[in-house]
Amino acid sequence: MSDANEAESGRAGDRRVCRGRVVAWEGVKYRVLRRRAVDGLAMLQTDTHEVFLSALDGGIDPEWVPENEVESAGE
């Protein structure tokens, strides 16, 4: 699936988090680099999409995180 800024339905409003946005996860700020759909056969599926995060402070990158676990943090 493409990680472009358009949702499956074709409406951008379906997406909670877009590439390039700064989000907070577990109290730390990260930038979203990619977004992907979670395979229906995934073992620990907690959401339909995951986001790939990059630390803004040069810390350790958590990599793929369920989209419903991050919240917008502004820039």
N, C-alpha and C. Protein backbone atom coordinates (compact mmCIF):
# COMPACT_ATOMS: atom_id res chain seq x y z
N MET A 1 0.84 -1.19 0.00
CA MET A 1 0.00 0.00 0.00
C MET A 1 0.87 1.24 0.00
N SER A 2 0.45 2.22 -0.69
CA SER A 2 1.19 3.48 -0.77
C SER A 2 1.08 4.25 0.53
N ASP A 3 2.14 4.99 0.86
CA ASP A 3 2.07 5.82 2.06
C ASP A 3 1.86 7.28 1.70
N ALA A 4 1.26 7.51 0.54
CA ALA A 4 0.93 8.89 0.13
C ALA A 4 -0.08 9.46 1.11
N ASN A 5 -0.32 10.75 1.05
CA ASN A 5 -1.19 11.39 2.04
C ASN A 5 -2.67 11.24 1.75
N GLU A 6 -3.06 10.26 0.95
CA GLU A 6 -4.47 10.04 0.67
C GLU A 6 -4.86 8.70 1.27
N ALA A 7 -5.96 8.64 1.96
CA ALA A 7 -6.43 7.42 2.62
C ALA A 7 -7.03 6.46 1.60
N GLU A 8 -7.30 5.22 2.05
CA GLU A 8 -7.86 4.21 1.18
C GLU A 8 -9.16 4.67 0.53
N SER A 9 -9.98 5.40 1.26
CA SER A 9 -11.26 5.85 0.74
C SER A 9 -11.09 6.99 -0.26
N GLY A 10 -9.88 7.54 -0.36
CA GLY A 10 -9.66 8.67 -1.25
C GLY A 10 -9.85 9.99 -0.57
N ARG A 11 -10.20 9.98 0.72
CA ARG A 11 -10.41 11.22 1.47
C ARG A 11 -9.27 11.40 2.45
N ALA A 12 -8.60 12.53 2.40
CA ALA A 12 -7.47 12.81 3.28
C ALA A 12 -7.89 12.87 4.74
N GLY A 13 -9.15 13.14 5.04
CA GLY A 13 -9.62 13.24 6.40
C GLY A 13 -9.60 11.93 7.17
N ASP A 14 -9.48 10.79 6.49
CA ASP A 14 -9.46 9.49 7.14
C ASP A 14 -8.16 9.25 7.89
N ARG A 15 -7.14 9.97 7.55
CA ARG A 15 -5.80 9.75 8.08
C ARG A 15 -5.60 10.55 9.35
N ARG A 16 -5.15 9.88 10.42
CA ARG A 16 -4.90 10.58 11.68
C ARG A 16 -3.52 11.24 11.68
N VAL A 17 -2.56 10.62 10.99
CA VAL A 17 -1.19 11.11 11.00
C VAL A 17 -0.63 11.08 9.58
N CYS A 18 0.01 12.17 9.14
CA CYS A 18 0.62 12.24 7.81
C CYS A 18 2.14 12.27 7.91
N ARG A 19 2.79 11.88 6.81
CA ARG A 19 4.25 11.95 6.75
C ARG A 19 4.72 13.37 7.01
N GLY A 20 5.82 13.50 7.74
CA GLY A 20 6.40 14.79 8.01
C GLY A 20 5.87 15.45 9.28
N ARG A 21 4.78 14.97 9.79
CA ARG A 21 4.17 15.56 11.00
C ARG A 21 4.97 15.17 12.25
N VAL A 22 5.02 16.09 13.20
CA VAL A 22 5.67 15.81 14.48
C VAL A 22 4.61 15.25 15.42
N VAL A 23 4.92 14.10 16.02
CA VAL A 23 3.98 13.44 16.93
C VAL A 23 4.67 13.12 18.25
N ALA A 24 3.85 12.87 19.26
CA ALA A 24 4.38 12.44 20.55
C ALA A 24 4.02 10.98 20.75
N TRP A 25 4.99 10.20 21.19
CA TRP A 25 4.78 8.79 21.52
C TRP A 25 5.54 8.51 22.81
N GLU A 26 4.85 8.06 23.81
CA GLU A 26 5.43 7.79 25.13
C GLU A 26 6.17 9.00 25.68
N GLY A 27 5.60 10.20 25.47
CA GLY A 27 6.13 11.43 26.03
C GLY A 27 7.32 12.04 25.29
N VAL A 28 7.71 11.47 24.15
CA VAL A 28 8.85 11.97 23.38
C VAL A 28 8.35 12.37 21.99
N LYS A 29 8.94 13.42 21.40
CA LYS A 29 8.53 13.88 20.08
C LYS A 29 9.34 13.19 18.98
N TYR A 30 8.63 12.81 17.92
CA TYR A 30 9.22 12.15 16.76
C TYR A 30 8.62 12.74 15.49
N ARG A 31 9.31 12.53 14.36
CA ARG A 31 8.78 12.91 13.05
C ARG A 31 8.34 11.63 12.35
N VAL A 32 7.17 11.67 11.72
CA VAL A 32 6.64 10.54 10.97
C VAL A 32 7.33 10.49 9.61
N LEU A 33 7.99 9.37 9.32
CA LEU A 33 8.67 9.23 8.02
C LEU A 33 7.82 8.46 7.01
N ARG A 34 7.07 7.46 7.48
CA ARG A 34 6.25 6.64 6.58
C ARG A 34 5.01 6.17 7.31
N ARG A 35 4.06 5.67 6.55
CA ARG A 35 2.84 5.09 7.10
C ARG A 35 2.50 3.88 6.25
N ARG A 36 2.06 2.79 6.90
CA ARG A 36 1.71 1.59 6.14
C ARG A 36 0.51 0.89 6.78
N ALA A 37 -0.21 0.15 5.96
CA ALA A 37 -1.33 -0.65 6.46
C ALA A 37 -0.76 -1.88 7.15
N VAL A 38 -1.45 -2.31 8.18
CA VAL A 38 -1.05 -3.52 8.90
C VAL A 38 -1.75 -4.70 8.26
N ASP A 39 -1.00 -5.73 7.94
CA ASP A 39 -1.54 -6.95 7.35
C ASP A 39 -2.55 -7.58 8.31
N GLY A 40 -3.65 -8.04 7.82
CA GLY A 40 -4.68 -8.67 8.64
C GLY A 40 -4.19 -9.91 9.36
N LEU A 41 -3.07 -10.48 8.92
CA LEU A 41 -2.51 -11.68 9.55
C LEU A 41 -1.43 -11.35 10.58
N ALA A 42 -1.19 -10.07 10.82
CA ALA A 42 -0.16 -9.66 11.77
C ALA A 42 -0.48 -10.21 13.16
N MET A 43 0.55 -10.65 13.84
CA MET A 43 0.37 -11.30 15.14
C MET A 43 -0.20 -10.35 16.20
N LEU A 44 0.37 -9.16 16.33
CA LEU A 44 -0.04 -8.22 17.37
C LEU A 44 -0.69 -6.99 16.77
N GLN A 45 -1.75 -7.17 16.03
CA GLN A 45 -2.42 -6.06 15.37
C GLN A 45 -3.26 -5.27 16.36
N THR A 46 -2.92 -3.99 16.58
CA THR A 46 -3.69 -3.13 17.48
C THR A 46 -4.35 -1.98 16.74
N ASP A 47 -4.01 -1.80 15.46
CA ASP A 47 -4.60 -0.74 14.64
C ASP A 47 -4.48 -1.16 13.19
N THR A 48 -5.16 -0.45 12.30
CA THR A 48 -5.12 -0.80 10.88
C THR A 48 -3.88 -0.25 10.18
N HIS A 49 -3.20 0.74 10.81
CA HIS A 49 -2.00 1.33 10.23
C HIS A 49 -0.90 1.51 11.26
N GLU A 50 0.33 1.55 10.77
CA GLU A 50 1.50 1.83 11.60
C GLU A 50 2.24 3.01 10.99
N VAL A 51 2.98 3.74 11.81
CA VAL A 51 3.81 4.84 11.33
C VAL A 51 5.26 4.56 11.70
N PHE A 52 6.17 4.96 10.82
CA PHE A 52 7.60 4.79 11.05
C PHE A 52 8.12 6.11 11.61
N LEU A 53 8.65 6.07 12.83
CA LEU A 53 9.05 7.29 13.52
C LEU A 53 10.56 7.47 13.54
N SER A 54 10.98 8.73 13.54
CA SER A 54 12.39 9.10 13.65
C SER A 54 12.52 10.11 14.78
N ALA A 55 13.46 9.87 15.70
CA ALA A 55 13.65 10.75 16.86
C ALA A 55 14.13 12.13 16.42
N LEU A 56 13.56 13.17 16.99
CA LEU A 56 13.97 14.54 16.67
C LEU A 56 15.23 14.95 17.43
N ASP A 57 15.48 14.31 18.56
CA ASP A 57 16.62 14.69 19.40
C ASP A 57 17.86 13.84 19.16
N GLY A 58 17.84 13.00 18.12
CA GLY A 58 18.99 12.15 17.83
C GLY A 58 19.03 10.89 18.67
N GLY A 59 17.97 10.63 19.42
CA GLY A 59 17.89 9.43 20.26
C GLY A 59 17.59 8.19 19.43
N ILE A 60 17.18 7.15 20.10
CA ILE A 60 16.88 5.88 19.44
C ILE A 60 15.52 5.97 18.76
N ASP A 61 15.47 5.52 17.50
CA ASP A 61 14.22 5.51 16.74
C ASP A 61 13.42 4.26 17.10
N PRO A 62 12.14 4.42 17.46
CA PRO A 62 11.32 3.25 17.78
C PRO A 62 10.88 2.48 16.54
N GLU A 63 11.07 3.06 15.37
CA GLU A 63 10.67 2.51 14.09
C GLU A 63 9.17 2.40 13.96
N TRP A 64 8.59 1.22 13.64
CA TRP A 64 7.15 1.10 13.37
C TRP A 64 6.35 1.05 14.67
N VAL A 65 5.36 1.94 14.77
CA VAL A 65 4.51 2.08 15.96
C VAL A 65 3.05 2.14 15.49
N PRO A 66 2.11 1.48 16.21
CA PRO A 66 0.71 1.58 15.82
C PRO A 66 0.25 3.04 15.79
N GLU A 67 -0.46 3.41 14.74
CA GLU A 67 -0.87 4.80 14.55
C GLU A 67 -1.73 5.32 15.71
N ASN A 68 -2.51 4.45 16.33
CA ASN A 68 -3.40 4.90 17.41
C ASN A 68 -2.66 5.18 18.71
N GLU A 69 -1.34 4.91 18.76
CA GLU A 69 -0.55 5.17 19.96
C GLU A 69 0.17 6.52 19.92
N VAL A 70 0.09 7.23 18.80
CA VAL A 70 0.76 8.54 18.70
C VAL A 70 -0.28 9.64 18.68
N GLU A 71 0.13 10.83 19.11
CA GLU A 71 -0.76 11.99 19.05
C GLU A 71 0.01 13.16 18.48
N SER A 72 -0.69 14.04 17.80
CA SER A 72 -0.07 15.20 17.18
C SER A 72 0.58 16.08 18.24
N ALA A 73 1.83 16.52 17.95
CA ALA A 73 2.58 17.35 18.90
C ALA A 73 2.91 18.70 18.31
N GLY A 74 2.48 18.99 17.10
CA GLY A 74 2.82 20.26 16.47
C GLY A 74 4.30 20.32 16.13
N GLU A 75 4.77 21.49 15.69
CA GLU A 75 6.19 21.59 15.33
C GLU A 75 6.89 22.60 16.12
